[in-house]
Each structure stands twice: as C-alpha cells, then as structure tokens.
Amino acid sequence: MTYIGAIGAAQREAMIADERVIIIGEDVEANVYGTTGGGKQRAEEGDFVQQFGRSRIRNTPIAEEAIVGAAIGAAMTGLRPLVDLSYSSFLYMAMDQLVNQAAKNRYMFGGQSSIPVVFRSAMFYGLNTGAHHSDRPYPMFMNVPGLKIVAPASASDAKGLLRTAIDSDDPVLVFEAVPLWGAKEEVDDNEYWIPFGKARTRREGTDVTLVGVSGAVPLALKAAEQMAARGISVEVIDPRTLVPLDTKTIVESVRRTGRLVITEPAHRMCGAAAEIAAVVADEAYEALRAPIKRVASLNMQVPFSPALEPQIYPTTEKIVAALEAVCAVDQNMTKNRRLVV
C-alpha cells in the first residue's frame, strides 16, 4: 500500500467505525480519499462522498482561519472533524485559531470541553512549488502546549498514527511529507492503532545513533546502508511523533552507541533536531564520545529554481558525511568538549 493509500484507508475505517467523524477542507468532495491534492489522488476503493454522503464530506471556502475555527467549534460540540488543510504553509493563515483556540480551549474552559480534531497538512518541499508553498513548519507547533504533532515516515505508520489521532480527544497536527506519498510498504488490512510517544527503531546498530524525522528517514536508512558497507553499524530511529516525543528510546540508544546524528527536512534553527540534541546532551552527556551533529535544511527561503532547491535539504551524502565525522572523533573526548555543532 502507498503512504497516501494508507491515509485513505485509515480515514475510511474511522468513518465507518464512528459516525461523528467528518472530513472538511478545500476540494475534498472531488477527492476520493478526502486527502490533499484537489482530486489528483485516485484509487479503486470508490468515492468517499458516495459512501458517506455530503453531510460528512464537506467542501469549504478557501479560508483557512474559518475552516479551523469551524472545526474547533464542531469538535467542542460533539463531532470529530478531520480537516484537510492542503499545503502545510497554509497553517499560517489559521495561526490564531490553532494556537489560541485549538491548543488552549480545554485549559481555558477548565476541562469542560475536549477538542477531538485532526488537522492534516502536506509538506510539498522539493517539488519546485516556491517559498510560499514549501515550508516544513512542524517545529514551531512543537512549541505550542496543547497540540500533538505527528510526522509519519512510512505507509504503515501513517495509517496507525492517523487512527490514533482521530480517536484522540486532543487536537492533533499531522504533517505528511509529499515526497513519501507514493512510497509503498506492507500494511495490515485490519484496523490497528500506533500509540503516540513511541519511536520506531528502523534499523539496529552499535556504533552510531541516527535519528531521522519525517522525509529524512529514507535518507537516513540509505546512509546507514552505505556506512554498513564500511563496517560502521548505524542504529536508525524514527520518532514518528514529535509531541509527545519518545526521548527515552533515543537516549537509551545513545548510551549504547556513544554517538548521535539527527536529520530532518525542517530548518536547522530551533528545529526538532535541536530539541533532540539538547535532551541527549542533558541526559546522556557522559556517554557521548563525539559532538552531536545535525543535518537539516539551510536557514533560508526555499528557492523556486529546480537546480537550487535540492541543495538546501538534507541528502544521503550530507548524512554520511556527518556519520563519518562523529566516527572519526577520538573516543576519549574530554568533558569540556563542545557537544552540539
């Protein structure tokens, strides 16, 4: 099953299981999966509108603040909306609703209401869509208490995490890396749920811990393969959810390997990689044999040029270079060594 197909399967299962689940967003009626793409993602499973009706699959105006506000109100009064916000960059237009309402209303109402709403958005980076459509903004939402942040990197995880998100009584932001939409993987046809806050070890290793976030996970796995050919054993960990973040699995891995490289598609400044590096430096300082390395996107606007855009993102080659660097450091690194580079 493809990544996007797994998302469609999760949505269908959730709508069959619970009539309170609705899908709203721009052009969702024209899209068989109720997913981002304005009708471009087709499948043999049939049309969501035909199966569930227009009372549960609703097109909205092109007004993100209104879409998110309506979904929050619907969630507080008994429905479980699944909101398709298309490009992740469009989240900015609904910033007040997401940050001041979705994230805070349970607290502001003294726990009298819950906000069971899921906001899906697609990170269209690397596809020459320009600076206004290519952002990967999940790190800024990690800083907002009250929001759960999901960033699946495989089809099976996309399905299981989305089912958990839909069943959650808290607002959840799901960030999908569009370069992964067509990636295929064996996916259980039966219903299943993947708990939040539980990382997935994609490859076991003993020499270096490599944490990959979202679209950087396939690159991390390729880098680990290249290092294995050189006799270096790399453990690859996919956090899967960023809030809550499974720091325990990462810290335990670093305690075994003594080295850490983190890669993600978001900007390097204040990214998820920075948070993971800080946690490891705080909780596994004595185990580190080399400085922590981060491989993330350059802190610049995304160029439209097809020749320039790929240069700002992590690549397998950049990750391999970081792995080589941490492996080359003397294992007797003194404690006054700078740990985060």
Protein backbone atom coordinates (compact mmCIF):
# COMPACT_ATOMS: atom_id res chain seq x y z
CA MET A 1 0.00 0.00 0.00
CA THR A 2 1.21 3.51 -0.71
CA TYR A 3 1.64 6.13 2.01
CA ILE A 4 -1.30 8.16 0.65
CA GLY A 5 -3.35 4.99 0.23
CA ALA A 6 -2.75 4.08 3.87
CA ILE A 7 -4.03 7.50 4.92
CA GLY A 8 -7.15 6.94 2.86
CA ALA A 9 -7.63 3.51 4.44
CA ALA A 10 -7.33 4.97 7.95
CA GLN A 11 -9.88 7.66 7.16
CA ARG A 12 -12.34 5.15 5.71
CA GLU A 13 -12.02 2.84 8.72
CA ALA A 14 -12.52 5.70 11.16
CA MET A 15 -15.61 6.98 9.35
CA ILE A 16 -17.16 3.51 9.28
CA ALA A 17 -16.39 2.99 12.97
CA ASP A 18 -17.70 6.35 14.22
CA GLU A 19 -20.40 8.43 12.53
CA ARG A 20 -19.14 11.52 14.36
CA VAL A 21 -16.01 11.55 12.17
CA ILE A 22 -16.36 14.06 9.33
CA ILE A 23 -13.93 15.33 6.69
CA ILE A 24 -13.83 19.01 5.76
CA GLY A 25 -11.48 21.01 3.60
CA GLU A 26 -10.92 22.57 0.21
CA ASP A 27 -11.99 20.30 -2.69
CA VAL A 28 -12.34 17.21 -0.52
CA GLU A 29 -15.60 16.24 -2.25
CA ALA A 30 -13.70 15.85 -5.52
CA ASN A 31 -11.04 13.69 -3.95
CA VAL A 32 -11.82 10.02 -3.39
CA TYR A 33 -9.63 9.85 -0.29
CA GLY A 34 -10.61 13.19 1.19
CA THR A 35 -6.90 13.96 1.05
CA THR A 36 -4.75 16.80 -0.12
CA GLY A 37 -4.36 17.10 -3.86
CA GLY A 38 -7.57 18.60 -5.22
CA GLY A 39 -8.78 15.32 -6.71
CA LYS A 40 -5.42 14.17 -8.01
CA GLN A 41 -5.15 11.13 -5.75
CA ARG A 42 -7.35 8.39 -7.24
CA ALA A 43 -7.92 4.83 -6.12
CA GLU A 44 -10.07 1.82 -6.87
CA GLU A 45 -11.76 1.86 -3.47
CA GLY A 46 -14.54 4.24 -4.55
CA ASP A 47 -15.69 7.73 -3.71
CA PHE A 48 -15.95 8.92 -0.12
CA VAL A 49 -18.90 11.15 -0.99
CA GLN A 50 -20.85 8.24 -2.45
CA GLN A 51 -20.17 6.10 0.60
CA PHE A 52 -20.64 8.64 3.38
CA GLY A 53 -22.63 11.47 1.82
CA ARG A 54 -22.05 15.21 1.63
CA SER A 55 -23.15 15.72 5.22
CA ARG A 56 -19.87 14.06 6.29
CA ILE A 57 -17.59 15.08 3.40
CA ARG A 58 -17.78 18.85 3.06
CA ASN A 59 -16.05 21.30 0.81
CA THR A 60 -15.13 24.60 2.42
CA PRO A 61 -14.31 28.07 1.15
CA ILE A 62 -10.64 28.92 0.64
CA ALA A 63 -10.36 30.45 4.10
CA GLU A 64 -8.11 28.53 6.48
CA GLU A 65 -8.93 30.56 9.56
CA ALA A 66 -12.64 29.91 9.03
CA ILE A 67 -12.04 26.21 8.31
CA VAL A 68 -10.04 25.68 11.50
CA GLY A 69 -12.43 27.76 13.62
CA ALA A 70 -15.44 25.83 12.35
CA ALA A 71 -13.68 22.52 13.03
CA ILE A 72 -12.82 23.55 16.58
CA GLY A 73 -16.43 24.51 17.26
CA ALA A 74 -17.68 21.26 15.74
CA ALA A 75 -15.24 19.28 17.89
CA MET A 76 -16.31 21.07 21.07
CA THR A 77 -19.96 20.27 20.34
CA GLY A 78 -19.71 16.57 19.62
CA LEU A 79 -18.18 15.85 16.21
CA ARG A 80 -14.70 14.54 15.43
CA PRO A 81 -13.55 16.59 12.42
CA LEU A 82 -10.71 15.54 10.17
CA VAL A 83 -9.50 18.72 8.48
CA ASP A 84 -7.56 18.74 5.21
CA LEU A 85 -5.55 21.97 5.14
CA SER A 86 -3.65 21.11 1.97
CA TYR A 87 -0.17 22.73 1.98
CA SER A 88 1.48 22.98 5.40
CA SER A 89 2.35 26.59 4.61
CA PHE A 90 -1.39 27.37 4.77
CA LEU A 91 -1.38 26.69 8.51
CA TYR A 92 -0.05 30.22 8.97
CA MET A 93 -3.38 31.69 7.84
CA ALA A 94 -5.10 29.92 10.74
CA MET A 95 -2.44 30.61 13.35
CA ASP A 96 -4.75 32.35 15.83
CA GLN A 97 -7.30 29.53 15.72
CA LEU A 98 -4.67 26.81 16.05
CA VAL A 99 -2.60 28.44 18.80
CA ASN A 100 -5.16 30.44 20.78
CA GLN A 101 -8.21 28.22 20.39
CA ALA A 102 -7.43 24.60 19.49
CA ALA A 103 -4.43 24.40 21.80
CA LYS A 104 -5.88 26.39 24.72
CA ASN A 105 -9.62 25.83 24.91
CA ARG A 106 -9.55 22.75 27.13
CA TYR A 107 -7.44 24.71 29.62
CA MET A 108 -9.41 27.94 29.27
CA PHE A 109 -12.71 26.10 29.86
CA GLY A 110 -11.38 24.28 32.89
CA GLY A 111 -11.51 20.87 31.23
CA GLN A 112 -15.23 21.15 30.46
CA SER A 113 -14.66 20.61 26.75
CA SER A 114 -12.35 18.48 24.67
CA ILE A 115 -11.04 19.26 21.18
CA PRO A 116 -11.06 15.97 19.20
CA VAL A 117 -9.93 17.40 15.87
CA VAL A 118 -7.19 16.34 13.43
CA PHE A 119 -5.50 18.81 11.10
CA ARG A 120 -3.75 17.18 8.15
CA SER A 121 -1.31 19.15 6.02
CA ALA A 122 1.19 18.23 3.34
CA MET A 123 4.78 19.41 3.16
CA PHE A 124 5.32 19.98 -0.57
CA TYR A 125 9.05 20.63 -0.33
CA GLY A 126 11.48 19.60 -3.03
CA LEU A 127 8.82 19.94 -5.72
CA ASN A 128 9.60 23.45 -7.02
CA THR A 129 6.48 24.99 -5.53
CA GLY A 130 8.25 28.15 -4.35
CA ALA A 131 8.77 29.71 -0.93
CA HIS A 132 5.04 30.21 -0.23
CA HIS A 133 4.22 26.51 -0.61
CA SER A 134 7.30 24.57 0.53
CA ASP A 135 7.53 25.05 4.30
CA ARG A 136 8.02 22.30 6.86
CA PRO A 137 6.62 24.14 9.90
CA TYR A 138 6.20 21.34 12.43
CA PRO A 139 8.95 22.69 14.76
CA MET A 140 7.09 25.92 15.51
CA PHE A 141 3.99 23.98 16.54
CA MET A 142 6.11 21.77 18.82
CA ASN A 143 6.49 24.92 20.91
CA VAL A 144 2.72 25.24 21.49
CA PRO A 145 1.42 23.42 24.61
CA GLY A 146 -1.81 21.56 23.94
CA LEU A 147 -1.05 20.35 20.41
CA LYS A 148 0.08 16.86 19.47
CA ILE A 149 2.43 16.67 16.49
CA VAL A 150 2.64 13.61 14.21
CA ALA A 151 5.14 13.13 11.36
CA PRO A 152 4.86 9.63 9.88
CA ALA A 153 7.59 8.44 7.53
CA SER A 154 6.06 5.20 6.21
CA ALA A 155 2.73 3.87 4.98
CA SER A 156 2.13 1.56 7.95
CA ASP A 157 2.90 4.32 10.42
CA ALA A 158 0.74 6.80 8.52
CA LYS A 159 -2.27 4.51 8.88
CA GLY A 160 -1.80 3.53 12.52
CA LEU A 161 -0.90 7.02 13.72
CA LEU A 162 -3.82 8.63 11.90
CA ARG A 163 -6.27 6.21 13.55
CA THR A 164 -4.84 7.16 16.94
CA ALA A 165 -5.04 10.85 16.04
CA ILE A 166 -8.70 10.59 15.04
CA ASP A 167 -9.55 8.79 18.30
CA SER A 168 -7.66 11.35 20.42
CA ASP A 169 -9.62 13.90 22.44
CA ASP A 170 -6.88 16.47 21.87
CA PRO A 171 -6.06 18.49 18.73
CA VAL A 172 -3.52 16.72 16.55
CA LEU A 173 -1.47 18.14 13.67
CA VAL A 174 -0.38 15.52 11.14
CA PHE A 175 2.45 16.58 8.83
CA GLU A 176 2.83 14.48 5.69
CA ALA A 177 5.98 14.63 3.56
CA VAL A 178 4.68 14.69 -0.01
CA PRO A 179 7.87 13.05 -1.39
CA LEU A 180 6.77 9.98 0.60
CA TRP A 181 3.19 9.83 -0.68
CA GLY A 182 4.00 7.24 -3.32
CA ALA A 183 6.28 5.12 -1.11
CA LYS A 184 4.96 1.56 -0.69
CA GLU A 185 5.09 -0.78 2.27
CA GLU A 186 3.25 -3.84 3.55
CA VAL A 187 0.29 -2.51 5.54
CA ASP A 188 -2.11 -4.57 7.63
CA ASP A 189 -5.59 -4.58 6.07
CA ASN A 190 -7.10 -4.89 9.54
CA GLU A 191 -7.67 -1.96 11.86
CA TYR A 192 -4.75 -1.04 14.11
CA TRP A 193 -3.55 1.89 16.15
CA ILE A 194 0.01 3.08 16.86
CA PRO A 195 0.38 4.84 20.23
CA PHE A 196 1.80 8.33 20.33
CA GLY A 197 5.17 8.84 22.00
CA LYS A 198 6.64 5.51 20.91
CA ALA A 199 9.55 5.71 18.46
CA ARG A 200 10.26 3.05 15.85
CA THR A 201 13.75 1.61 15.53
CA ARG A 202 14.05 1.16 11.78
CA ARG A 203 17.50 -0.41 11.93
CA GLU A 204 19.53 -1.70 14.86
CA GLY A 205 23.18 -0.73 15.27
CA THR A 206 26.00 -0.39 17.75
CA ASP A 207 28.33 2.42 16.62
CA VAL A 208 26.16 5.48 15.92
CA THR A 209 22.59 6.53 16.63
CA LEU A 210 20.94 8.22 13.66
CA VAL A 211 17.56 9.87 14.29
CA GLY A 212 15.54 10.67 11.17
CA VAL A 213 12.41 12.82 11.14
CA SER A 214 9.66 12.56 8.51
CA GLY A 215 11.01 12.66 4.95
CA ALA A 216 14.59 12.35 6.18
CA VAL A 217 14.01 8.76 7.36
CA PRO A 218 14.52 7.11 3.94
CA LEU A 219 17.70 9.14 3.50
CA ALA A 220 18.89 8.01 6.93
CA LEU A 221 18.29 4.36 6.04
CA LYS A 222 20.28 4.73 2.81
CA ALA A 223 23.11 6.40 4.72
CA ALA A 224 23.12 3.56 7.25
CA GLU A 225 23.41 1.06 4.39
CA GLN A 226 26.42 2.89 2.99
CA MET A 227 28.10 3.02 6.39
CA ALA A 228 27.46 -0.70 6.93
CA ALA A 229 29.48 -1.41 3.78
CA ARG A 230 32.36 0.34 5.53
CA GLY A 231 31.97 -1.66 8.72
CA ILE A 232 30.11 1.02 10.73
CA SER A 233 26.91 -0.13 12.44
CA VAL A 234 24.26 2.61 12.49
CA GLU A 235 21.06 2.46 14.53
CA VAL A 236 18.25 4.38 12.80
CA ILE A 237 15.37 5.69 14.90
CA ASP A 238 12.18 7.31 13.64
CA PRO A 239 10.41 9.26 16.44
CA ARG A 240 7.10 9.11 14.50
CA THR A 241 5.51 11.62 16.87
CA LEU A 242 7.27 14.83 17.89
CA VAL A 243 4.77 15.74 20.62
CA PRO A 244 4.86 13.56 22.62
CA LEU A 245 8.49 12.76 21.84
CA ASP A 246 9.97 9.39 22.80
CA THR A 247 13.23 10.69 24.24
CA LYS A 248 13.71 7.52 26.28
CA THR A 249 14.33 5.34 23.21
CA ILE A 250 16.76 7.89 21.75
CA VAL A 251 18.68 8.41 24.98
CA GLU A 252 18.98 4.68 25.60
CA SER A 253 20.32 4.19 22.08
CA VAL A 254 22.92 6.95 22.51
CA ARG A 255 24.01 5.42 25.81
CA ARG A 256 24.83 2.26 23.84
CA THR A 257 26.44 3.84 20.78
CA GLY A 258 28.04 6.97 22.26
CA ARG A 259 27.35 9.00 19.10
CA LEU A 260 24.35 10.86 17.69
CA VAL A 261 23.40 12.35 14.32
CA ILE A 262 19.94 13.84 13.73
CA THR A 263 18.45 14.66 10.34
CA GLU A 264 15.20 16.38 9.40
CA PRO A 265 13.74 18.38 6.49
CA ALA A 266 12.85 21.47 8.54
CA HIS A 267 15.17 24.44 9.02
CA ARG A 268 18.12 23.85 11.32
CA MET A 269 17.40 26.81 13.62
CA CYS A 270 15.23 25.72 16.58
CA GLY A 271 14.15 22.53 14.83
CA ALA A 272 13.17 19.13 16.17
CA ALA A 273 16.82 18.11 15.78
CA ALA A 274 17.85 20.93 18.13
CA GLU A 275 15.41 19.72 20.79
CA ILE A 276 16.58 16.12 20.49
CA ALA A 277 20.23 17.20 20.67
CA ALA A 278 19.54 19.26 23.79
CA VAL A 279 17.76 16.37 25.53
CA VAL A 280 20.58 13.95 24.77
CA ALA A 281 23.26 16.42 25.86
CA ASP A 282 21.33 16.85 29.11
CA GLU A 283 20.54 13.21 29.83
CA ALA A 284 23.36 11.23 28.22
CA TYR A 285 26.30 13.62 28.40
CA GLU A 286 28.67 11.13 30.00
CA ALA A 287 28.03 8.57 27.24
CA LEU A 288 28.90 10.84 24.31
CA ARG A 289 32.15 10.02 22.52
CA ALA A 290 31.80 12.73 19.88
CA PRO A 291 29.95 16.00 19.27
CA ILE A 292 26.30 15.71 18.27
CA LYS A 293 25.70 16.53 14.60
CA ARG A 294 22.54 17.92 12.97
CA VAL A 295 21.75 17.58 9.28
CA ALA A 296 18.80 19.83 8.45
CA SER A 297 17.72 22.38 5.86
CA LEU A 298 19.61 25.63 5.47
CA ASN A 299 18.11 28.68 7.18
CA MET A 300 16.92 30.35 4.00
CA GLN A 301 13.77 30.74 1.94
CA VAL A 302 13.08 27.87 -0.42
CA PRO A 303 14.21 28.79 -3.95
CA PHE A 304 11.89 28.11 -6.87
CA SER A 305 14.77 27.06 -9.12
CA PRO A 306 14.84 23.27 -9.70
CA ALA A 307 18.63 23.49 -9.72
CA LEU A 308 18.89 25.37 -6.42
CA GLU A 309 16.11 23.96 -4.23
CA PRO A 310 17.54 20.44 -3.67
CA GLN A 311 20.76 21.95 -2.33
CA ILE A 312 19.15 23.31 0.85
CA TYR A 313 17.77 19.99 2.12
CA PRO A 314 19.42 17.01 3.82
CA THR A 315 20.77 14.39 1.44
CA THR A 316 22.17 10.92 1.92
CA GLU A 317 25.63 12.31 1.17
CA LYS A 318 25.32 15.00 3.86
CA ILE A 319 24.15 12.43 6.41
CA VAL A 320 27.03 10.09 5.52
CA ALA A 321 29.48 12.97 5.99
CA ALA A 322 28.05 13.67 9.46
CA LEU A 323 28.27 9.99 10.40
CA GLU A 324 31.88 9.87 9.22
CA ALA A 325 32.67 12.97 11.27
CA VAL A 326 31.34 11.59 14.56
CA CYS A 327 33.04 8.25 13.98
CA ALA A 328 36.38 9.95 13.37
CA VAL A 329 36.42 11.70 16.74
CA ASP A 330 38.70 10.27 19.42
CA GLN A 331 36.62 8.14 21.78
CA ASN A 332 38.35 9.76 24.75
CA MET A 333 36.66 13.10 24.14
CA THR A 334 37.15 15.31 27.18
CA LYS A 335 34.13 16.61 29.02
CA ASN A 336 34.88 20.24 28.21
CA ARG A 337 34.41 19.49 24.50
CA ARG A 338 31.62 21.32 22.76
CA LEU A 339 28.81 18.78 22.29
CA VAL A 340 26.38 20.39 19.88
CA VAL A 341 27.63 21.54 16.47
